[in-house]
Amino acid sequence: MCLAIPAQVKKFISDDVIIADFGKGVTREVSIALMPEEIKIGDWILIHTGYAVSKMEPEEAKETLAMWEEIWKLQEEEKTSTG
């Protein structure tokens, strides 16, 4: 199974590298060399192993991030309850 994480395009470093914002203050350099479509600052994209693989709608990105938040919250609750 592959996992791709939503991120927002924040800055272009070069023709094929951007700075992506994953939220919670986490930013990373990401390659856009595999992107099948053009992107711009503010676009939401899916990142897999350091590569942008597709664009996504902002609503879809926010829903996905909300699901991740719920997963992380449940994991933290589990950690604290098992001690």
PDB file of N, CA and C in Angstrom:
ATOM      1  N   MET A   1       0.846  -1.175   0.000  1.00  0.00           N
ATOM      2  CA  MET A   1       0.000   0.000   0.000  1.00  0.00           C
ATOM      3  C   MET A   1       0.891   1.237   0.000  1.00  0.00           C
ATOM      4  N   CYS A   2       0.531   2.203  -0.789  1.00  0.00           N
ATOM      5  CA  CYS A   2       1.265   3.463  -0.855  1.00  0.00           C
ATOM      6  C   CYS A   2       0.537   4.520  -0.033  1.00  0.00           C
ATOM      7  N   LEU A   3       1.308   5.427   0.497  1.00  0.00           N
ATOM      8  CA  LEU A   3       0.745   6.498   1.304  1.00  0.00           C
ATOM      9  C   LEU A   3       1.206   7.833   0.736  1.00  0.00           C
ATOM     10  N   ALA A   4       0.255   8.713   0.489  1.00  0.00           N
ATOM     11  CA  ALA A   4       0.566  10.058   0.007  1.00  0.00           C
ATOM     12  C   ALA A   4      -0.060  11.050   0.978  1.00  0.00           C
ATOM     13  N   ILE A   5       0.663  12.109   1.277  1.00  0.00           N
ATOM     14  CA  ILE A   5       0.242  13.102   2.252  1.00  0.00           C
ATOM     15  C   ILE A   5      -0.039  14.434   1.543  1.00  0.00           C
ATOM     16  N   PRO A   6      -1.146  15.091   1.879  1.00  0.00           N
ATOM     17  CA  PRO A   6      -1.416  16.404   1.292  1.00  0.00           C
ATOM     18  C   PRO A   6      -0.470  17.468   1.832  1.00  0.00           C
ATOM     19  N   ALA A   7      -0.096  18.384   0.972  1.00  0.00           N
ATOM     20  CA  ALA A   7       0.727  19.532   1.366  1.00  0.00           C
ATOM     21  C   ALA A   7       0.392  20.689   0.437  1.00  0.00           C
ATOM     22  N   GLN A   8       0.716  21.878   0.905  1.00  0.00           N
ATOM     23  CA  GLN A   8       0.428  23.072   0.103  1.00  0.00           C
ATOM     24  C   GLN A   8       1.731  23.649  -0.424  1.00  0.00           C
ATOM     25  N   VAL A   9       1.724  24.039  -1.692  1.00  0.00           N
ATOM     26  CA  VAL A   9       2.897  24.636  -2.329  1.00  0.00           C
ATOM     27  C   VAL A   9       3.119  26.023  -1.724  1.00  0.00           C
ATOM     28  N   LYS A  10       4.319  26.249  -1.175  1.00  0.00           N
ATOM     29  CA  LYS A  10       4.628  27.535  -0.543  1.00  0.00           C
ATOM     30  C   LYS A  10       5.648  28.362  -1.321  1.00  0.00           C
ATOM     31  N   LYS A  11       6.615  27.686  -1.968  1.00  0.00           N
ATOM     32  CA  LYS A  11       7.699  28.431  -2.624  1.00  0.00           C
ATOM     33  C   LYS A  11       8.371  27.538  -3.667  1.00  0.00           C
ATOM     34  N   PHE A  12       8.770  28.149  -4.773  1.00  0.00           N
ATOM     35  CA  PHE A  12       9.543  27.435  -5.782  1.00  0.00           C
ATOM     36  C   PHE A  12      11.031  27.652  -5.507  1.00  0.00           C
ATOM     37  N   ILE A  13      11.777  26.559  -5.422  1.00  0.00           N
ATOM     38  CA  ILE A  13      13.233  26.615  -5.230  1.00  0.00           C
ATOM     39  C   ILE A  13      13.933  26.598  -6.591  1.00  0.00           C
ATOM     40  N   SER A  14      13.421  25.764  -7.487  1.00  0.00           N
ATOM     41  CA  SER A  14      13.946  25.660  -8.854  1.00  0.00           C
ATOM     42  C   SER A  14      12.803  25.194  -9.750  1.00  0.00           C
ATOM     43  N   ASP A  15      13.124  24.851 -10.985  1.00  0.00           N
ATOM     44  CA  ASP A  15      12.081  24.397 -11.910  1.00  0.00           C
ATOM     45  C   ASP A  15      11.395  23.114 -11.447  1.00  0.00           C
ATOM     46  N   ASP A  16      12.111  22.285 -10.684  1.00  0.00           N
ATOM     47  CA  ASP A  16      11.504  21.018 -10.282  1.00  0.00           C
ATOM     48  C   ASP A  16      11.558  20.743  -8.778  1.00  0.00           C
ATOM     49  N   VAL A  17      11.806  21.768  -7.971  1.00  0.00           N
ATOM     50  CA  VAL A  17      11.806  21.607  -6.507  1.00  0.00           C
ATOM     51  C   VAL A  17      11.030  22.756  -5.871  1.00  0.00           C
ATOM     52  N   ILE A  18      10.169  22.382  -4.919  1.00  0.00           N
ATOM     53  CA  ILE A  18       9.379  23.374  -4.197  1.00  0.00           C
ATOM     54  C   ILE A  18       9.568  23.190  -2.692  1.00  0.00           C
ATOM     55  N   ILE A  19       9.076  24.164  -1.953  1.00  0.00           N
ATOM     56  CA  ILE A  19       8.900  24.003  -0.513  1.00  0.00           C
ATOM     57  C   ILE A  19       7.413  23.722  -0.317  1.00  0.00           C
ATOM     58  N   ALA A  20       7.111  22.607   0.346  1.00  0.00           N
ATOM     59  CA  ALA A  20       5.731  22.220   0.623  1.00  0.00           C
ATOM     60  C   ALA A  20       5.470  22.326   2.118  1.00  0.00           C
ATOM     61  N   ASP A  21       4.282  22.797   2.453  1.00  0.00           N
ATOM     62  CA  ASP A  21       3.854  22.952   3.843  1.00  0.00           C
ATOM     63  C   ASP A  21       2.896  21.825   4.194  1.00  0.00           C
ATOM     64  N   PHE A  22       3.306  20.983   5.156  1.00  0.00           N
ATOM     65  CA  PHE A  22       2.509  19.846   5.592  1.00  0.00           C
ATOM     66  C   PHE A  22       1.635  20.183   6.794  1.00  0.00           C
ATOM     67  N   GLY A  23       1.721  21.423   7.261  1.00  0.00           N
ATOM     68  CA  GLY A  23       0.956  21.832   8.439  1.00  0.00           C
ATOM     69  C   GLY A  23       1.752  21.656   9.712  1.00  0.00           C
ATOM     70  N   LYS A  24       1.267  22.254  10.789  1.00  0.00           N
ATOM     71  CA  LYS A  24       1.908  22.176  12.106  1.00  0.00           C
ATOM     72  C   LYS A  24       3.368  22.639  12.066  1.00  0.00           C
ATOM     73  N   GLY A  25       3.672  23.562  11.141  1.00  0.00           N
ATOM     74  CA  GLY A  25       5.021  24.098  11.047  1.00  0.00           C
ATOM     75  C   GLY A  25       6.025  23.221  10.319  1.00  0.00           C
ATOM     76  N   VAL A  26       5.563  22.153   9.691  1.00  0.00           N
ATOM     77  CA  VAL A  26       6.449  21.224   8.989  1.00  0.00           C
ATOM     78  C   VAL A  26       6.498  21.590   7.508  1.00  0.00           C
ATOM     79  N   THR A  27       7.685  21.946   7.042  1.00  0.00           N
ATOM     80  CA  THR A  27       7.901  22.212   5.614  1.00  0.00           C
ATOM     81  C   THR A  27       9.058  21.358   5.130  1.00  0.00           C
ATOM     82  N   ARG A  28       9.000  20.986   3.870  1.00  0.00           N
ATOM     83  CA  ARG A  28      10.046  20.155   3.274  1.00  0.00           C
ATOM     84  C   ARG A  28      10.246  20.532   1.820  1.00  0.00           C
ATOM     85  N   GLU A  29      11.455  20.273   1.335  1.00  0.00           N
ATOM     86  CA  GLU A  29      11.700  20.370  -0.104  1.00  0.00           C
ATOM     87  C   GLU A  29      11.094  19.140  -0.754  1.00  0.00           C
ATOM     88  N   VAL A  30      10.409  19.348  -1.879  1.00  0.00           N
ATOM     89  CA  VAL A  30       9.722  18.271  -2.580  1.00  0.00           C
ATOM     90  C   VAL A  30      10.002  18.409  -4.072  1.00  0.00           C
ATOM     91  N   SER A  31      10.254  17.291  -4.723  1.00  0.00           N
ATOM     92  CA  SER A  31      10.443  17.304  -6.173  1.00  0.00           C
ATOM     93  C   SER A  31       9.091  17.341  -6.869  1.00  0.00           C
ATOM     94  N   ILE A  32       8.989  18.173  -7.887  1.00  0.00           N
ATOM     95  CA  ILE A  32       7.777  18.195  -8.713  1.00  0.00           C
ATOM     96  C   ILE A  32       8.078  17.640 -10.115  1.00  0.00           C
ATOM     97  N   ALA A  33       9.208  16.949 -10.244  1.00  0.00           N
ATOM     98  CA  ALA A  33       9.631  16.407 -11.541  1.00  0.00           C
ATOM     99  C   ALA A  33       8.628  15.403 -12.107  1.00  0.00           C
ATOM    100  N   LEU A  34       7.858  14.730 -11.256  1.00  0.00           N
ATOM    101  CA  LEU A  34       6.899  13.731 -11.724  1.00  0.00           C
ATOM    102  C   LEU A  34       5.487  14.267 -11.910  1.00  0.00           C
ATOM    103  N   MET A  35       5.289  15.544 -11.627  1.00  0.00           N
ATOM    104  CA  MET A  35       3.946  16.117 -11.712  1.00  0.00           C
ATOM    105  C   MET A  35       3.443  16.125 -13.150  1.00  0.00           C
ATOM    106  N   PRO A  36       2.246  15.572 -13.365  1.00  0.00           N
ATOM    107  CA  PRO A  36       1.696  15.560 -14.721  1.00  0.00           C
ATOM    108  C   PRO A  36       1.056  16.894 -15.120  1.00  0.00           C
ATOM    109  N   GLU A  37       0.882  17.784 -14.138  1.00  0.00           N
ATOM    110  CA  GLU A  37       0.235  19.060 -14.427  1.00  0.00           C
ATOM    111  C   GLU A  37       1.021  20.201 -13.786  1.00  0.00           C
ATOM    112  N   GLU A  38       0.784  21.398 -14.267  1.00  0.00           N
ATOM    113  CA  GLU A  38       1.450  22.582 -13.743  1.00  0.00           C
ATOM    114  C   GLU A  38       0.870  22.941 -12.375  1.00  0.00           C
ATOM    115  N   ILE A  39       1.732  23.418 -11.485  1.00  0.00           N
ATOM    116  CA  ILE A  39       1.263  23.853 -10.174  1.00  0.00           C
ATOM    117  C   ILE A  39       1.721  25.282  -9.915  1.00  0.00           C
ATOM    118  N   LYS A  40       1.071  25.900  -8.926  1.00  0.00           N
ATOM    119  CA  LYS A  40       1.440  27.265  -8.554  1.00  0.00           C
ATOM    120  C   LYS A  40       1.393  27.387  -7.032  1.00  0.00           C
ATOM    121  N   ILE A  41       1.929  28.470  -6.514  1.00  0.00           N
ATOM    122  CA  ILE A  41       1.909  28.733  -5.082  1.00  0.00           C
ATOM    123  C   ILE A  41       0.455  28.693  -4.591  1.00  0.00           C
ATOM    124  N   GLY A  42       0.246  28.000  -3.484  1.00  0.00           N
ATOM    125  CA  GLY A  42      -1.082  27.880  -2.900  1.00  0.00           C
ATOM    126  C   GLY A  42      -1.822  26.607  -3.287  1.00  0.00           C
ATOM    127  N   ASP A  43      -1.383  25.934  -4.366  1.00  0.00           N
ATOM    128  CA  ASP A  43      -2.023  24.678  -4.766  1.00  0.00           C
ATOM    129  C   ASP A  43      -1.795  23.612  -3.699  1.00  0.00           C
ATOM    130  N   TRP A  44      -2.739  22.685  -3.611  1.00  0.00           N
ATOM    131  CA  TRP A  44      -2.609  21.511  -2.756  1.00  0.00           C
ATOM    132  C   TRP A  44      -2.187  20.344  -3.630  1.00  0.00           C
ATOM    133  N   ILE A  45      -1.212  19.578  -3.135  1.00  0.00           N
ATOM    134  CA  ILE A  45      -0.682  18.451  -3.887  1.00  0.00           C
ATOM    135  C   ILE A  45      -0.532  17.252  -2.956  1.00  0.00           C
ATOM    136  N   LEU A  46      -0.455  16.078  -3.557  1.00  0.00           N
ATOM    137  CA  LEU A  46      -0.180  14.860  -2.804  1.00  0.00           C
ATOM    138  C   LEU A  46       1.298  14.530  -2.938  1.00  0.00           C
ATOM    139  N   ILE A  47       1.933  14.237  -1.803  1.00  0.00           N
ATOM    140  CA  ILE A  47       3.360  13.928  -1.774  1.00  0.00           C
ATOM    141  C   ILE A  47       3.548  12.462  -1.409  1.00  0.00           C
ATOM    142  N   HIS A  48       4.358  11.768  -2.185  1.00  0.00           N
ATOM    143  CA  HIS A  48       4.713  10.377  -1.896  1.00  0.00           C
ATOM    144  C   HIS A  48       6.222  10.235  -1.997  1.00  0.00           C
ATOM    145  N   THR A  49       6.856   9.851  -0.931  1.00  0.00           N
ATOM    146  CA  THR A  49       8.313   9.652  -0.839  1.00  0.00           C
ATOM    147  C   THR A  49       9.118  10.829  -1.398  1.00  0.00           C
ATOM    148  N   GLY A  50       8.677  12.031  -1.091  1.00  0.00           N
ATOM    149  CA  GLY A  50       9.423  13.219  -1.502  1.00  0.00           C
ATOM    150  C   GLY A  50       9.094  13.757  -2.876  1.00  0.00           C
ATOM    151  N   TYR A  51       8.124  13.146  -3.529  1.00  0.00           N
ATOM    152  CA  TYR A  51       7.733  13.574  -4.870  1.00  0.00           C
ATOM    153  C   TYR A  51       6.266  13.986  -4.883  1.00  0.00           C
ATOM    154  N   ALA A  52       5.969  15.097  -5.511  1.00  0.00           N
ATOM    155  CA  ALA A  52       4.582  15.486  -5.745  1.00  0.00           C
ATOM    156  C   ALA A  52       4.056  14.601  -6.868  1.00  0.00           C
ATOM    157  N   VAL A  53       2.893  13.983  -6.638  1.00  0.00           N
ATOM    158  CA  VAL A  53       2.372  13.056  -7.637  1.00  0.00           C
ATOM    159  C   VAL A  53       1.070  13.517  -8.286  1.00  0.00           C
ATOM    160  N   SER A  54       0.331  14.423  -7.621  1.00  0.00           N
ATOM    161  CA  SER A  54      -0.887  14.957  -8.237  1.00  0.00           C
ATOM    162  C   SER A  54      -1.406  16.151  -7.454  1.00  0.00           C
ATOM    163  N   LYS A  55      -2.225  16.948  -8.131  1.00  0.00           N
ATOM    164  CA  LYS A  55      -2.908  18.062  -7.470  1.00  0.00           C
ATOM    165  C   LYS A  55      -4.172  17.530  -6.825  1.00  0.00           C
ATOM    166  N   MET A  56      -4.670  18.285  -5.844  1.00  0.00           N
ATOM    167  CA  MET A  56      -5.947  17.929  -5.238  1.00  0.00           C
ATOM    168  C   MET A  56      -6.706  19.193  -4.896  1.00  0.00           C
ATOM    169  N   GLU A  57      -7.998  19.066  -4.764  1.00  0.00           N
ATOM    170  CA  GLU A  57      -8.841  20.201  -4.410  1.00  0.00           C
ATOM    171  C   GLU A  57      -8.602  20.569  -2.941  1.00  0.00           C
ATOM    172  N   PRO A  58      -8.649  21.863  -2.615  1.00  0.00           N
ATOM    173  CA  PRO A  58      -8.434  22.290  -1.230  1.00  0.00           C
ATOM    174  C   PRO A  58      -9.361  21.602  -0.229  1.00  0.00           C
ATOM    175  N   GLU A  59     -10.620  21.404  -0.590  1.00  0.00           N
ATOM    176  CA  GLU A  59     -11.571  20.759   0.318  1.00  0.00           C
ATOM    177  C   GLU A  59     -11.148  19.328   0.624  1.00  0.00           C
ATOM    178  N   GLU A  60     -10.711  18.622  -0.416  1.00  0.00           N
ATOM    179  CA  GLU A  60     -10.263  17.239  -0.251  1.00  0.00           C
ATOM    180  C   GLU A  60      -9.014  17.180   0.629  1.00  0.00           C
ATOM    181  N   ALA A  61      -8.099  18.113   0.423  1.00  0.00           N
ATOM    182  CA  ALA A  61      -6.877  18.164   1.232  1.00  0.00           C
ATOM    183  C   ALA A  61      -7.219  18.403   2.695  1.00  0.00           C
ATOM    184  N   LYS A  62      -8.121  19.333   2.955  1.00  0.00           N
ATOM    185  CA  LYS A  62      -8.496  19.644   4.339  1.00  0.00           C
ATOM    186  C   LYS A  62      -9.206  18.472   5.007  1.00  0.00           C
ATOM    187  N   GLU A  63     -10.051  17.760   4.264  1.00  0.00           N
ATOM    188  CA  GLU A  63     -10.714  16.576   4.810  1.00  0.00           C
ATOM    189  C   GLU A  63      -9.693  15.494   5.158  1.00  0.00           C
ATOM    190  N   THR A  64      -8.735  15.289   4.267  1.00  0.00           N
ATOM    191  CA  THR A  64      -7.699  14.282   4.498  1.00  0.00           C
ATOM    192  C   THR A  64      -6.854  14.645   5.716  1.00  0.00           C
ATOM    193  N   LEU A  65      -6.472  15.907   5.821  1.00  0.00           N
ATOM    194  CA  LEU A  65      -5.684  16.342   6.981  1.00  0.00           C
ATOM    195  C   LEU A  65      -6.477  16.211   8.275  1.00  0.00           C
ATOM    196  N   ALA A  66      -7.776  16.457   8.217  1.00  0.00           N
ATOM    197  CA  ALA A  66      -8.621  16.292   9.406  1.00  0.00           C
ATOM    198  C   ALA A  66      -8.661  14.824   9.839  1.00  0.00           C
ATOM    199  N   MET A  67      -8.703  13.917   8.874  1.00  0.00           N
ATOM    200  CA  MET A  67      -8.666  12.489   9.212  1.00  0.00           C
ATOM    201  C   MET A  67      -7.344  12.115   9.869  1.00  0.00           C
ATOM    202  N   TRP A  68      -6.230  12.655   9.331  1.00  0.00           N
ATOM    203  CA  TRP A  68      -4.918  12.398   9.939  1.00  0.00           C
ATOM    204  C   TRP A  68      -4.883  12.931  11.372  1.00  0.00           C
ATOM    205  N   GLU A  69      -5.447  14.102  11.580  1.00  0.00           N
ATOM    206  CA  GLU A  69      -5.494  14.680  12.933  1.00  0.00           C
ATOM    207  C   GLU A  69      -6.214  13.732  13.893  1.00  0.00           C
ATOM    208  N   GLU A  70      -7.318  13.176  13.439  1.00  0.00           N
ATOM    209  CA  GLU A  70      -8.077  12.236  14.277  1.00  0.00           C
ATOM    210  C   GLU A  70      -7.259  10.985  14.589  1.00  0.00           C
ATOM    211  N   ILE A  71      -6.556  10.469  13.590  1.00  0.00           N
ATOM    212  CA  ILE A  71      -5.702   9.294  13.804  1.00  0.00           C
ATOM    213  C   ILE A  71      -4.620   9.609  14.827  1.00  0.00           C
ATOM    214  N   TRP A  72      -3.942  10.756  14.677  1.00  0.00           N
ATOM    215  CA  TRP A  72      -2.878  11.130  15.612  1.00  0.00           C
ATOM    216  C   TRP A  72      -3.431  11.318  17.027  1.00  0.00           C
ATOM    217  N   LYS A  73      -4.606  11.913  17.116  1.00  0.00           N
ATOM    218  CA  LYS A  73      -5.242  12.123  18.422  1.00  0.00           C
ATOM    219  C   LYS A  73      -5.536  10.779  19.089  1.00  0.00           C
ATOM    220  N   LEU A  74      -6.101   9.839  18.344  1.00  0.00           N
ATOM    221  CA  LEU A  74      -6.398   8.520  18.887  1.00  0.00           C
ATOM    222  C   LEU A  74      -5.127   7.791  19.319  1.00  0.00           C
ATOM    223  N   GLN A  75      -4.055   7.933  18.546  1.00  0.00           N
ATOM    224  CA  GLN A  75      -2.795   7.302  18.916  1.00  0.00           C
ATOM    225  C   GLN A  75      -2.244   7.871  20.216  1.00  0.00           C
ATOM    226  N   GLU A  76      -2.331   9.190  20.368  1.00  0.00           N
ATOM    227  CA  GLU A  76      -1.864   9.823  21.595  1.00  0.00           C
ATOM    228  C   GLU A  76      -2.694   9.375  22.790  1.00  0.00           C
ATOM    229  N   GLU A  77      -4.003   9.286  22.614  1.00  0.00           N
ATOM    230  CA  GLU A  77      -4.874   8.822  23.680  1.00  0.00           C
ATOM    231  C   GLU A  77      -4.542   7.396  24.072  1.00  0.00           C
ATOM    232  N   GLU A  78      -4.255   6.571  23.076  1.00  0.00           N
ATOM    233  CA  GLU A  78      -3.895   5.179  23.337  1.00  0.00           C
ATOM    234  C   GLU A  78      -2.581   5.097  24.120  1.00  0.00           C
ATOM    235  N   LYS A  79      -1.611   5.912  23.729  1.00  0.00           N
ATOM    236  CA  LYS A  79      -0.315   5.941  24.436  1.00  0.00           C
ATOM    237  C   LYS A  79      -0.493   6.298  25.896  1.00  0.00           C
ATOM    238  N   THR A  80      -1.274   7.331  26.159  1.00  0.00           N
ATOM    239  CA  THR A  80      -1.438   7.797  27.540  1.00  0.00           C
ATOM    240  C   THR A  80      -2.269   6.823  28.369  1.00  0.00           C
ATOM    241  N   SER A  81      -3.188   6.096  27.738  1.00  0.00           N
ATOM    242  CA  SER A  81      -4.007   5.159  28.510  1.00  0.00           C
ATOM    243  C   SER A  81      -3.289   3.855  28.812  1.00  0.00           C
ATOM    244  N   THR A  82      -2.285   3.504  27.995  1.00  0.00           N
ATOM    245  CA  THR A  82      -1.533   2.263  28.242  1.00  0.00           C
ATOM    246  C   THR A  82      -0.242   2.520  28.996  1.00  0.00           C
ATOM    247  N   GLY A  83       0.069   3.792  29.177  1.00  0.00           N
ATOM    248  CA  GLY A  83       1.100   4.238  30.030  1.00  0.00           C
ATOM    249  C   GLY A  83       2.484   4.043  29.775  1.00  0.00           C
TER     250      GLY A  83
END
